[in-house]
C-alpha atoms as a PDB file:
ATOM      1  CA  MET A   1       1.499   5.026  17.638  1.00  0.00           C
ATOM      2  CA  PRO A   2      -1.985   5.899  16.396  1.00  0.00           C
ATOM      3  CA  ILE A   3      -3.610   9.114  17.522  1.00  0.00           C
ATOM      4  CA  GLU A   4      -7.203   9.551  18.671  1.00  0.00           C
ATOM      5  CA  LEU A   5      -9.200  12.519  17.396  1.00  0.00           C
ATOM      6  CA  ASN A   6     -12.918  12.916  18.026  1.00  0.00           C
ATOM      7  CA  GLY A   7     -13.128   9.282  19.100  1.00  0.00           C
ATOM      8  CA  GLU A   8     -11.571   7.961  15.873  1.00  0.00           C
ATOM      9  CA  ARG A   9      -8.124   6.366  15.528  1.00  0.00           C
ATOM     10  CA  PHE A  10      -5.747   7.719  12.866  1.00  0.00           C
ATOM     11  CA  TYR A  11      -2.308   6.652  11.677  1.00  0.00           C
ATOM     12  CA  ARG A  12       0.317   8.979  10.249  1.00  0.00           C
ATOM     13  CA  THR A  13       2.057   8.164   6.970  1.00  0.00           C
ATOM     14  CA  ALA A  14       5.254   6.711   8.456  1.00  0.00           C
ATOM     15  CA  GLU A  15       3.342   4.384  10.752  1.00  0.00           C
ATOM     16  CA  ALA A  16       0.842   3.317   8.079  1.00  0.00           C
ATOM     17  CA  CYS A  17       3.676   2.511   5.672  1.00  0.00           C
ATOM     18  CA  ARG A  18       5.593   0.606   8.359  1.00  0.00           C
ATOM     19  CA  ILE A  19       2.514  -1.500   9.158  1.00  0.00           C
ATOM     20  CA  ALA A  20       1.892  -2.143   5.442  1.00  0.00           C
ATOM     21  CA  GLY A  21       5.545  -3.053   4.894  1.00  0.00           C
ATOM     22  CA  ILE A  22       6.326  -0.395   2.294  1.00  0.00           C
ATOM     23  CA  SER A  23       8.493   2.725   2.267  1.00  0.00           C
ATOM     24  CA  LYS A  24       7.042   6.224   2.347  1.00  0.00           C
ATOM     25  CA  ASN A  25       8.651   6.798  -1.055  1.00  0.00           C
ATOM     26  CA  THR A  26       6.675   3.852  -2.462  1.00  0.00           C
ATOM     27  CA  PHE A  27       3.446   5.233  -1.012  1.00  0.00           C
ATOM     28  CA  PHE A  28       4.055   8.703  -2.468  1.00  0.00           C
ATOM     29  CA  ARG A  29       4.939   7.160  -5.848  1.00  0.00           C
ATOM     30  CA  TRP A  30       1.675   5.157  -5.816  1.00  0.00           C
ATOM     31  CA  VAL A  31      -0.360   8.280  -5.013  1.00  0.00           C
ATOM     32  CA  LYS A  32       1.397  10.310  -7.733  1.00  0.00           C
ATOM     33  CA  ALA A  33       0.865   7.531 -10.300  1.00  0.00           C
ATOM     34  CA  GLY A  34      -2.803   7.168  -9.323  1.00  0.00           C
ATOM     35  CA  LEU A  35      -2.345   3.589  -8.108  1.00  0.00           C
ATOM     36  CA  PHE A  36      -3.590   4.512  -4.635  1.00  0.00           C
ATOM     37  CA  ALA A  37      -6.208   7.157  -3.885  1.00  0.00           C
ATOM     38  CA  ASP A  38      -4.942   9.715  -1.394  1.00  0.00           C
ATOM     39  CA  VAL A  39      -6.325   9.693   2.148  1.00  0.00           C
ATOM     40  CA  GLU A  40      -9.401  11.665   3.122  1.00  0.00           C
ATOM     41  CA  TYR A  41      -8.014  13.472   6.179  1.00  0.00           C
ATOM     42  CA  LYS A  42      -5.005  15.686   6.842  1.00  0.00           C
ATOM     43  CA  ASP A  43      -4.069  17.532  10.011  1.00  0.00           C
ATOM     44  CA  ARG A  44      -3.509  21.301  10.198  1.00  0.00           C
ATOM     45  CA  ARG A  45       0.101  20.820   9.064  1.00  0.00           C
ATOM     46  CA  GLY A  46      -1.043  18.952   5.955  1.00  0.00           C
ATOM     47  CA  TRP A  47       0.166  15.581   7.203  1.00  0.00           C
ATOM     48  CA  ARG A  48      -1.897  12.626   6.061  1.00  0.00           C
ATOM     49  CA  LEU A  49      -4.062  10.823   8.606  1.00  0.00           C
ATOM     50  CA  PHE A  50      -5.029   7.259   7.678  1.00  0.00           C
ATOM     51  CA  THR A  51      -8.265   5.796   8.988  1.00  0.00           C
ATOM     52  CA  HIS A  52      -8.424   2.098   9.808  1.00  0.00           C
ATOM     53  CA  ASN A  53     -10.148   1.413   6.475  1.00  0.00           C
ATOM     54  CA  GLU A  54      -7.490   3.339   4.542  1.00  0.00           C
ATOM     55  CA  LEU A  55      -4.773   1.434   6.383  1.00  0.00           C
ATOM     56  CA  GLU A  56      -6.424  -1.864   5.404  1.00  0.00           C
ATOM     57  CA  ARG A  57      -6.649  -0.654   1.790  1.00  0.00           C
ATOM     58  CA  LEU A  58      -2.934   0.232   1.855  1.00  0.00           C
ATOM     59  CA  MET A  59      -2.023  -3.191   3.260  1.00  0.00           C
ATOM     60  CA  ALA A  60      -4.148  -4.897   0.589  1.00  0.00           C
ATOM     61  CA  GLU A  61      -2.376  -2.940  -2.158  1.00  0.00           C
ATOM     62  CA  ALA A  62       1.028  -3.694  -0.658  1.00  0.00           C
ATOM     63  CA  ASN A  63       0.265  -7.424  -0.589  1.00  0.00           C
ATOM     64  CA  ARG A  64      -1.435  -7.626  -3.997  1.00  0.00           C
ATOM     65  CA  VAL A  65       0.044 -10.267  -6.284  1.00  0.00           C
ATOM     66  CA  HIS A  66      -0.253 -10.188 -10.046  1.00  0.00           C
ATOM     67  CA  LYS A  67       1.016 -12.408 -12.802  1.00  0.00           C
ATOM     68  CA  ASN A  68       4.123 -11.230 -14.614  1.00  0.00           C
ATOM     69  CA  PRO A  69       3.269 -11.111 -18.337  1.00  0.00           C
ATOM     70  CA  ARG A  70       6.948 -11.413 -19.289  1.00  0.00           C
ATOM     71  CA  THR A  71       7.140 -14.983 -18.005  1.00  0.00           C
ATOM     72  CA  GLU A  72       4.817 -16.300 -20.718  1.00  0.00           C
ATOM     73  CA  SER A  73       7.599 -16.296 -23.316  1.00  0.00           C
ATOM     74  CA  TRP A  74       9.951 -18.121 -20.945  1.00  0.00           C
ATOM     75  CA  ARG A  75       7.808 -21.219 -20.562  1.00  0.00           C
ATOM     76  CA  VAL A  76       9.557 -24.374 -21.576  1.00  0.00           C
ATOM     77  CA  PRO A  77       7.458 -27.396 -22.495  1.00  0.00           C
ATOM     78  CA  SER A  78       7.646 -29.930 -19.725  1.00  0.00           C
ATOM     79  CA  THR A  79       9.380 -33.190 -20.496  1.00  0.00           C
ATOM     80  CA  ASN A  80       9.461 -36.378 -18.535  1.00  0.00           C
ATOM     81  CA  LEU A  81      13.047 -36.918 -17.493  1.00  0.00           C
ATOM     82  CA  LYS A  82      12.819 -40.411 -16.101  1.00  0.00           C
END
């Protein structure tokens, strides 16, 4: 459940990851590898607080699709099998 602070809605890491459909371990791996910039806000305990925009950015990264370069060598010329 999001929390409201100073009129702004924030999501904690577990909830943001659940909404994005990824594990917390995946999120932390992305941050460590530099694939996802860390969030701007943390609470007094050091827990991450995701803004709505950061949550949307996380969901976009989680749903990003890219072409697998390994499949290029597996292409078989198409033949008409009539």
